[in-house]
């Protein structure tokens, strides 16, 4: 099974041509819908159907039995982020520019486009501008989830958000990124999964013995004859 990660133009084209699962990051439903529609719309020119590619963005779920409990868990995690570590990670993710030379309580500076991960750099700039974040604030925002979608609340709150994105053309599923292991994963399994099942959004039994079967992906047909490529 081929999994592609990234949201740049070359990355999307590669995914449309070769990938079966795409791991991506969008902060809002509108951005998720735009990415989903764009990528699915590229498949036909490669002779592929929409069912042959699953778009599964990352989610960073912090779940509690009450909203207050979830918010307290999230704040506790935020307090564990050392400023130097957070800014160092942000510097790397935003294009390997050293942000420690700028006032950390000031705005994120305008920087040239990176030759590295362009889609993540654009996501971080957009997030900083939309929420008017300082360097320190943006560093804390992304240090845990690495720019992926943070969902904080009760199981019902989180499933409301996932269901909305799933049913409205923003995702085929989600790549769960627990905030801690094993506790964060246990919370998701014990609290969120039962609510997903109650709404008919998650299986009770596996469909098959392989990941491919459980994702509903076809088994590729083997073609023993290599395609000929004409050279001019």
C-alpha atoms as a PDB file:
ATOM      1  CA  UNK A   1       0.000   0.000   0.000  1.00  0.00           C
ATOM      2  CA  UNK A   2       1.396   3.395  -1.009  1.00  0.00           C
ATOM      3  CA  UNK A   3       0.976   6.288   1.446  1.00  0.00           C
ATOM      4  CA  UNK A   4       1.913   9.841   0.493  1.00  0.00           C
ATOM      5  CA  UNK A   5       2.330  12.730   2.931  1.00  0.00           C
ATOM      6  CA  UNK A   6       2.204  16.384   1.972  1.00  0.00           C
ATOM      7  CA  UNK A   7      -0.001  18.973   0.318  1.00  0.00           C
ATOM      8  CA  UNK A   8       2.258  20.785  -2.145  1.00  0.00           C
ATOM      9  CA  UNK A   9       1.371  20.849  -5.836  1.00  0.00           C
ATOM     10  CA  UNK A  10       4.021  18.229  -6.760  1.00  0.00           C
ATOM     11  CA  UNK A  11       2.921  16.164  -3.755  1.00  0.00           C
ATOM     12  CA  UNK A  12      -0.735  16.233  -4.787  1.00  0.00           C
ATOM     13  CA  UNK A  13       0.142  15.253  -8.329  1.00  0.00           C
ATOM     14  CA  UNK A  14       2.276  12.361  -7.078  1.00  0.00           C
ATOM     15  CA  UNK A  15      -0.560  11.246  -4.801  1.00  0.00           C
ATOM     16  CA  UNK A  16      -3.119  11.365  -7.596  1.00  0.00           C
ATOM     17  CA  UNK A  17      -0.888   9.217  -9.780  1.00  0.00           C
ATOM     18  CA  UNK A  18       0.449   6.673  -7.288  1.00  0.00           C
ATOM     19  CA  UNK A  19      -0.895   6.900  -3.728  1.00  0.00           C
ATOM     20  CA  UNK A  20      -3.668   4.932  -2.056  1.00  0.00           C
ATOM     21  CA  UNK A  21      -3.685   6.898   1.209  1.00  0.00           C
ATOM     22  CA  UNK A  22      -2.760  10.549   1.734  1.00  0.00           C
ATOM     23  CA  UNK A  23      -1.662  11.867   5.138  1.00  0.00           C
ATOM     24  CA  UNK A  24      -2.286  15.599   5.215  1.00  0.00           C
ATOM     25  CA  UNK A  25      -3.031  18.560   7.495  1.00  0.00           C
ATOM     26  CA  UNK A  26      -5.803  21.149   7.307  1.00  0.00           C
ATOM     27  CA  UNK A  27      -7.009  23.342  10.150  1.00  0.00           C
ATOM     28  CA  UNK A  28     -10.504  24.235   8.911  1.00  0.00           C
ATOM     29  CA  UNK A  29     -13.384  22.436   7.221  1.00  0.00           C
ATOM     30  CA  UNK A  30     -13.182  24.801   4.246  1.00  0.00           C
ATOM     31  CA  UNK A  31      -9.473  24.067   3.725  1.00  0.00           C
ATOM     32  CA  UNK A  32     -10.104  20.333   4.117  1.00  0.00           C
ATOM     33  CA  UNK A  33     -12.925  20.421   1.554  1.00  0.00           C
ATOM     34  CA  UNK A  34     -10.797  22.362  -0.926  1.00  0.00           C
ATOM     35  CA  UNK A  35      -7.896  19.909  -0.600  1.00  0.00           C
ATOM     36  CA  UNK A  36     -10.198  16.878  -0.810  1.00  0.00           C
ATOM     37  CA  UNK A  37     -12.018  18.136  -3.908  1.00  0.00           C
ATOM     38  CA  UNK A  38      -8.802  19.188  -5.628  1.00  0.00           C
ATOM     39  CA  UNK A  39      -7.001  15.898  -5.058  1.00  0.00           C
ATOM     40  CA  UNK A  40      -9.958  13.653  -5.898  1.00  0.00           C
ATOM     41  CA  UNK A  41     -10.470  15.716  -9.053  1.00  0.00           C
ATOM     42  CA  UNK A  42      -6.985  14.825 -10.309  1.00  0.00           C
ATOM     43  CA  UNK A  43      -7.514  11.067 -10.277  1.00  0.00           C
ATOM     44  CA  UNK A  44      -9.462  10.669 -13.515  1.00  0.00           C
ATOM     45  CA  UNK A  45      -6.583  11.781 -15.739  1.00  0.00           C
ATOM     46  CA  UNK A  46      -4.583   8.837 -14.378  1.00  0.00           C
ATOM     47  CA  UNK A  47      -7.419   6.395 -15.019  1.00  0.00           C
ATOM     48  CA  UNK A  48      -8.274   6.127 -11.332  1.00  0.00           C
ATOM     49  CA  UNK A  49     -11.553   6.342  -9.434  1.00  0.00           C
ATOM     50  CA  UNK A  50     -12.139   8.300  -6.224  1.00  0.00           C
ATOM     51  CA  UNK A  51     -12.501   5.066  -4.252  1.00  0.00           C
ATOM     52  CA  UNK A  52      -8.869   4.182  -5.012  1.00  0.00           C
ATOM     53  CA  UNK A  53      -7.499   7.002  -2.855  1.00  0.00           C
ATOM     54  CA  UNK A  54      -8.292   7.632   0.821  1.00  0.00           C
ATOM     55  CA  UNK A  55      -7.596  11.081   2.243  1.00  0.00           C
ATOM     56  CA  UNK A  56      -6.824  10.749   5.960  1.00  0.00           C
ATOM     57  CA  UNK A  57      -5.656  13.942   7.692  1.00  0.00           C
ATOM     58  CA  UNK A  58      -4.001  13.848  11.079  1.00  0.00           C
ATOM     59  CA  UNK A  59      -5.942  14.709  14.229  1.00  0.00           C
ATOM     60  CA  UNK A  60      -4.546  15.463  17.686  1.00  0.00           C
ATOM     61  CA  UNK A  61      -7.397  14.567  20.077  1.00  0.00           C
ATOM     62  CA  UNK A  62      -7.431  15.637  23.714  1.00  0.00           C
ATOM     63  CA  UNK A  63     -10.522  14.029  25.215  1.00  0.00           C
ATOM     64  CA  UNK A  64     -12.045  14.287  28.671  1.00  0.00           C
ATOM     65  CA  UNK A  65     -15.206  13.149  30.374  1.00  0.00           C
ATOM     66  CA  UNK A  66     -16.136  16.828  30.640  1.00  0.00           C
ATOM     67  CA  UNK A  67     -15.039  19.829  28.600  1.00  0.00           C
ATOM     68  CA  UNK A  68     -13.294  21.242  31.638  1.00  0.00           C
ATOM     69  CA  UNK A  69     -11.295  18.037  32.075  1.00  0.00           C
ATOM     70  CA  UNK A  70     -10.293  18.072  28.401  1.00  0.00           C
ATOM     71  CA  UNK A  71      -9.265  21.724  28.524  1.00  0.00           C
ATOM     72  CA  UNK A  72      -7.235  21.150  31.695  1.00  0.00           C
ATOM     73  CA  UNK A  73      -5.451  18.210  30.040  1.00  0.00           C
ATOM     74  CA  UNK A  74      -4.666  20.369  27.029  1.00  0.00           C
ATOM     75  CA  UNK A  75      -3.342  23.249  29.145  1.00  0.00           C
ATOM     76  CA  UNK A  76      -1.184  20.823  31.121  1.00  0.00           C
ATOM     77  CA  UNK A  77       0.319  19.531  27.886  1.00  0.00           C
ATOM     78  CA  UNK A  78       0.929  23.087  26.679  1.00  0.00           C
ATOM     79  CA  UNK A  79       2.793  23.931  29.879  1.00  0.00           C
ATOM     80  CA  UNK A  80       5.195  21.043  29.268  1.00  0.00           C
ATOM     81  CA  UNK A  81       6.471  22.607  26.042  1.00  0.00           C
ATOM     82  CA  UNK A  82       9.851  24.246  26.706  1.00  0.00           C
ATOM     83  CA  UNK A  83      10.002  27.584  24.823  1.00  0.00           C
ATOM     84  CA  UNK A  84      13.373  26.822  23.233  1.00  0.00           C
ATOM     85  CA  UNK A  85      12.153  23.431  22.035  1.00  0.00           C
ATOM     86  CA  UNK A  86       8.918  24.892  20.665  1.00  0.00           C
ATOM     87  CA  UNK A  87      10.656  27.718  18.809  1.00  0.00           C
ATOM     88  CA  UNK A  88      13.306  25.332  17.508  1.00  0.00           C
ATOM     89  CA  UNK A  89      10.648  23.018  16.118  1.00  0.00           C
ATOM     90  CA  UNK A  90       8.740  25.927  14.587  1.00  0.00           C
ATOM     91  CA  UNK A  91      11.961  27.236  13.014  1.00  0.00           C
ATOM     92  CA  UNK A  92      12.493  23.870  11.356  1.00  0.00           C
ATOM     93  CA  UNK A  93       8.897  23.422  10.230  1.00  0.00           C
ATOM     94  CA  UNK A  94       8.545  26.922   8.814  1.00  0.00           C
ATOM     95  CA  UNK A  95      11.453  26.384   6.444  1.00  0.00           C
ATOM     96  CA  UNK A  96      14.543  25.983   8.634  1.00  0.00           C
ATOM     97  CA  UNK A  97      14.748  29.699   9.421  1.00  0.00           C
ATOM     98  CA  UNK A  98      16.108  30.582  12.882  1.00  0.00           C
ATOM     99  CA  UNK A  99      13.218  32.388  14.573  1.00  0.00           C
ATOM    100  CA  UNK A 100      15.098  32.780  17.868  1.00  0.00           C
ATOM    101  CA  UNK A 101      16.781  35.886  16.421  1.00  0.00           C
ATOM    102  CA  UNK A 102      13.403  37.668  16.323  1.00  0.00           C
ATOM    103  CA  UNK A 103      11.384  38.976  19.314  1.00  0.00           C
ATOM    104  CA  UNK A 104       9.527  35.873  20.473  1.00  0.00           C
ATOM    105  CA  UNK A 105       6.565  37.913  21.698  1.00  0.00           C
ATOM    106  CA  UNK A 106       6.375  39.686  18.353  1.00  0.00           C
ATOM    107  CA  UNK A 107       4.641  38.659  15.132  1.00  0.00           C
ATOM    108  CA  UNK A 108       5.871  35.878  12.886  1.00  0.00           C
ATOM    109  CA  UNK A 109       8.114  37.649  10.339  1.00  0.00           C
ATOM    110  CA  UNK A 110       7.725  37.546   6.589  1.00  0.00           C
ATOM    111  CA  UNK A 111      10.126  34.898   5.329  1.00  0.00           C
ATOM    112  CA  UNK A 112      11.114  33.714   1.853  1.00  0.00           C
ATOM    113  CA  UNK A 113       9.546  30.551   0.502  1.00  0.00           C
ATOM    114  CA  UNK A 114      11.387  27.448   1.591  1.00  0.00           C
ATOM    115  CA  UNK A 115      12.872  24.817  -0.690  1.00  0.00           C
ATOM    116  CA  UNK A 116      11.616  22.252   1.820  1.00  0.00           C
ATOM    117  CA  UNK A 117       8.045  21.533   2.908  1.00  0.00           C
ATOM    118  CA  UNK A 118       6.125  24.336   1.221  1.00  0.00           C
ATOM    119  CA  UNK A 119       2.631  23.210   2.217  1.00  0.00           C
ATOM    120  CA  UNK A 120       3.476  23.143   5.922  1.00  0.00           C
ATOM    121  CA  UNK A 121       5.168  26.535   5.708  1.00  0.00           C
ATOM    122  CA  UNK A 122       2.041  28.010   4.083  1.00  0.00           C
ATOM    123  CA  UNK A 123      -0.183  26.377   6.717  1.00  0.00           C
ATOM    124  CA  UNK A 124       1.864  27.909   9.549  1.00  0.00           C
ATOM    125  CA  UNK A 125       1.879  31.386   7.999  1.00  0.00           C
ATOM    126  CA  UNK A 126      -1.882  31.198   7.457  1.00  0.00           C
ATOM    127  CA  UNK A 127      -2.464  30.065  11.043  1.00  0.00           C
ATOM    128  CA  UNK A 128      -0.296  32.869  12.454  1.00  0.00           C
ATOM    129  CA  UNK A 129      -2.048  35.543  10.403  1.00  0.00           C
ATOM    130  CA  UNK A 130      -5.577  34.242  10.947  1.00  0.00           C
ATOM    131  CA  UNK A 131      -5.228  34.113  14.737  1.00  0.00           C
ATOM    132  CA  UNK A 132      -2.711  36.989  15.038  1.00  0.00           C
ATOM    133  CA  UNK A 133      -0.202  34.765  16.852  1.00  0.00           C
ATOM    134  CA  UNK A 134       3.239  35.708  18.128  1.00  0.00           C
ATOM    135  CA  UNK A 135       6.212  33.439  17.491  1.00  0.00           C
ATOM    136  CA  UNK A 136       5.885  31.963  20.986  1.00  0.00           C
ATOM    137  CA  UNK A 137       2.138  31.422  20.615  1.00  0.00           C
ATOM    138  CA  UNK A 138       2.524  29.731  17.234  1.00  0.00           C
ATOM    139  CA  UNK A 139       5.338  27.551  18.598  1.00  0.00           C
ATOM    140  CA  UNK A 140       3.090  26.329  21.414  1.00  0.00           C
ATOM    141  CA  UNK A 141       0.198  25.820  19.019  1.00  0.00           C
ATOM    142  CA  UNK A 142       2.127  23.472  16.745  1.00  0.00           C
ATOM    143  CA  UNK A 143       4.631  21.790  19.087  1.00  0.00           C
ATOM    144  CA  UNK A 144       2.281  18.956  19.997  1.00  0.00           C
ATOM    145  CA  UNK A 145       0.217  18.446  16.858  1.00  0.00           C
ATOM    146  CA  UNK A 146       2.940  19.498  14.368  1.00  0.00           C
ATOM    147  CA  UNK A 147       0.412  21.649  12.518  1.00  0.00           C
ATOM    148  CA  UNK A 148      -2.333  19.037  12.449  1.00  0.00           C
ATOM    149  CA  UNK A 149      -5.913  19.588  13.590  1.00  0.00           C
ATOM    150  CA  UNK A 150      -6.253  19.798  17.389  1.00  0.00           C
ATOM    151  CA  UNK A 151      -9.634  18.678  18.730  1.00  0.00           C
ATOM    152  CA  UNK A 152     -10.258  19.234  22.436  1.00  0.00           C
ATOM    153  CA  UNK A 153     -13.426  18.290  24.305  1.00  0.00           C
ATOM    154  CA  UNK A 154     -15.687  15.451  25.338  1.00  0.00           C
ATOM    155  CA  UNK A 155     -16.166  12.374  23.178  1.00  0.00           C
ATOM    156  CA  UNK A 156     -19.399  13.890  21.856  1.00  0.00           C
ATOM    157  CA  UNK A 157     -17.649  17.181  21.008  1.00  0.00           C
ATOM    158  CA  UNK A 158     -14.871  15.415  19.148  1.00  0.00           C
ATOM    159  CA  UNK A 159     -17.175  13.084  17.234  1.00  0.00           C
ATOM    160  CA  UNK A 160     -19.346  16.061  16.219  1.00  0.00           C
ATOM    161  CA  UNK A 161     -16.288  17.636  14.602  1.00  0.00           C
ATOM    162  CA  UNK A 162     -15.043  14.438  12.953  1.00  0.00           C
ATOM    163  CA  UNK A 163     -18.506  13.572  11.656  1.00  0.00           C
ATOM    164  CA  UNK A 164     -18.932  17.041  10.175  1.00  0.00           C
ATOM    165  CA  UNK A 165     -15.650  16.830   8.287  1.00  0.00           C
ATOM    166  CA  UNK A 166     -16.225  13.218   7.199  1.00  0.00           C
ATOM    167  CA  UNK A 167     -19.781  13.745   5.953  1.00  0.00           C
ATOM    168  CA  UNK A 168     -19.100  17.061   4.236  1.00  0.00           C
ATOM    169  CA  UNK A 169     -16.286  16.134   1.877  1.00  0.00           C
ATOM    170  CA  UNK A 170     -13.281  16.885   4.060  1.00  0.00           C
ATOM    171  CA  UNK A 171     -11.870  13.426   4.786  1.00  0.00           C
ATOM    172  CA  UNK A 172     -12.304   9.701   4.192  1.00  0.00           C
ATOM    173  CA  UNK A 173     -11.032   8.955   7.691  1.00  0.00           C
ATOM    174  CA  UNK A 174      -8.466  10.228  10.158  1.00  0.00           C
ATOM    175  CA  UNK A 175      -4.945   9.414  11.279  1.00  0.00           C
ATOM    176  CA  UNK A 176      -5.170   9.596  15.082  1.00  0.00           C
ATOM    177  CA  UNK A 177      -2.120  11.216  16.709  1.00  0.00           C
ATOM    178  CA  UNK A 178      -2.562  10.681  20.471  1.00  0.00           C
ATOM    179  CA  UNK A 179      -1.123  13.491  22.625  1.00  0.00           C
ATOM    180  CA  UNK A 180       0.429  10.910  24.968  1.00  0.00           C
ATOM    181  CA  UNK A 181       1.075   7.181  24.893  1.00  0.00           C
ATOM    182  CA  UNK A 182      -0.451   5.004  26.108  1.00  0.00           C
ATOM    183  CA  UNK A 183      -2.873   7.267  28.003  1.00  0.00           C
ATOM    184  CA  UNK A 184      -4.004   9.486  25.131  1.00  0.00           C
ATOM    185  CA  UNK A 185      -4.668   6.486  22.899  1.00  0.00           C
ATOM    186  CA  UNK A 186      -6.525   4.675  25.687  1.00  0.00           C
ATOM    187  CA  UNK A 187      -8.754   7.728  26.207  1.00  0.00           C
ATOM    188  CA  UNK A 188      -9.597   7.801  22.511  1.00  0.00           C
ATOM    189  CA  UNK A 189     -10.393   4.087  22.388  1.00  0.00           C
ATOM    190  CA  UNK A 190     -12.463   4.044  25.574  1.00  0.00           C
ATOM    191  CA  UNK A 191     -14.312   7.351  25.120  1.00  0.00           C
ATOM    192  CA  UNK A 192     -14.397   8.374  21.451  1.00  0.00           C
ATOM    193  CA  UNK A 193     -14.656   5.017  19.667  1.00  0.00           C
ATOM    194  CA  UNK A 194     -17.897   3.977  21.466  1.00  0.00           C
ATOM    195  CA  UNK A 195     -19.502   7.274  20.425  1.00  0.00           C
ATOM    196  CA  UNK A 196     -18.339   6.757  16.830  1.00  0.00           C
ATOM    197  CA  UNK A 197     -19.896   3.280  16.877  1.00  0.00           C
ATOM    198  CA  UNK A 198     -23.122   4.586  18.398  1.00  0.00           C
ATOM    199  CA  UNK A 199     -23.481   6.896  15.400  1.00  0.00           C
ATOM    200  CA  UNK A 200     -22.590   4.187  12.890  1.00  0.00           C
ATOM    201  CA  UNK A 201     -19.295   5.846  11.976  1.00  0.00           C
ATOM    202  CA  UNK A 202     -16.876   3.111  13.053  1.00  0.00           C
ATOM    203  CA  UNK A 203     -16.745  -0.628  12.548  1.00  0.00           C
ATOM    204  CA  UNK A 204     -17.491  -3.189  15.248  1.00  0.00           C
ATOM    205  CA  UNK A 205     -15.527  -5.887  13.414  1.00  0.00           C
ATOM    206  CA  UNK A 206     -12.684  -5.810  10.925  1.00  0.00           C
ATOM    207  CA  UNK A 207     -13.601  -6.279   7.282  1.00  0.00           C
ATOM    208  CA  UNK A 208     -10.550  -8.404   6.546  1.00  0.00           C
ATOM    209  CA  UNK A 209      -7.114  -9.503   7.660  1.00  0.00           C
ATOM    210  CA  UNK A 210      -5.091  -6.690   6.057  1.00  0.00           C
ATOM    211  CA  UNK A 211      -4.939  -2.923   6.383  1.00  0.00           C
ATOM    212  CA  UNK A 212      -5.849  -2.644   2.707  1.00  0.00           C
ATOM    213  CA  UNK A 213      -9.070  -4.599   3.256  1.00  0.00           C
ATOM    214  CA  UNK A 214      -9.968  -2.629   6.359  1.00  0.00           C
ATOM    215  CA  UNK A 215      -9.551   0.654   4.490  1.00  0.00           C
ATOM    216  CA  UNK A 216     -11.733  -0.588   1.651  1.00  0.00           C
ATOM    217  CA  UNK A 217      -8.961  -0.414  -0.944  1.00  0.00           C
ATOM    218  CA  UNK A 218      -8.827  -2.677  -3.962  1.00  0.00           C
ATOM    219  CA  UNK A 219      -6.003  -5.148  -4.451  1.00  0.00           C
ATOM    220  CA  UNK A 220      -3.956  -3.854  -7.421  1.00  0.00           C
ATOM    221  CA  UNK A 221      -3.890  -6.022 -10.494  1.00  0.00           C
ATOM    222  CA  UNK A 222      -0.451  -7.193 -11.511  1.00  0.00           C
ATOM    223  CA  UNK A 223       0.455  -6.398 -15.090  1.00  0.00           C
ATOM    224  CA  UNK A 224       3.395  -8.553 -16.218  1.00  0.00           C
ATOM    225  CA  UNK A 225       3.857  -6.471 -19.358  1.00  0.00           C
ATOM    226  CA  UNK A 226       5.760  -3.239 -18.658  1.00  0.00           C
ATOM    227  CA  UNK A 227       4.423  -0.133 -20.328  1.00  0.00           C
ATOM    228  CA  UNK A 228       6.525   0.962 -23.253  1.00  0.00           C
ATOM    229  CA  UNK A 229       7.777   4.529 -23.211  1.00  0.00           C
ATOM    230  CA  UNK A 230       8.513   6.228 -26.501  1.00  0.00           C
ATOM    231  CA  UNK A 231      11.556   8.487 -26.656  1.00  0.00           C
ATOM    232  CA  UNK A 232      11.799  11.379 -29.044  1.00  0.00           C
END
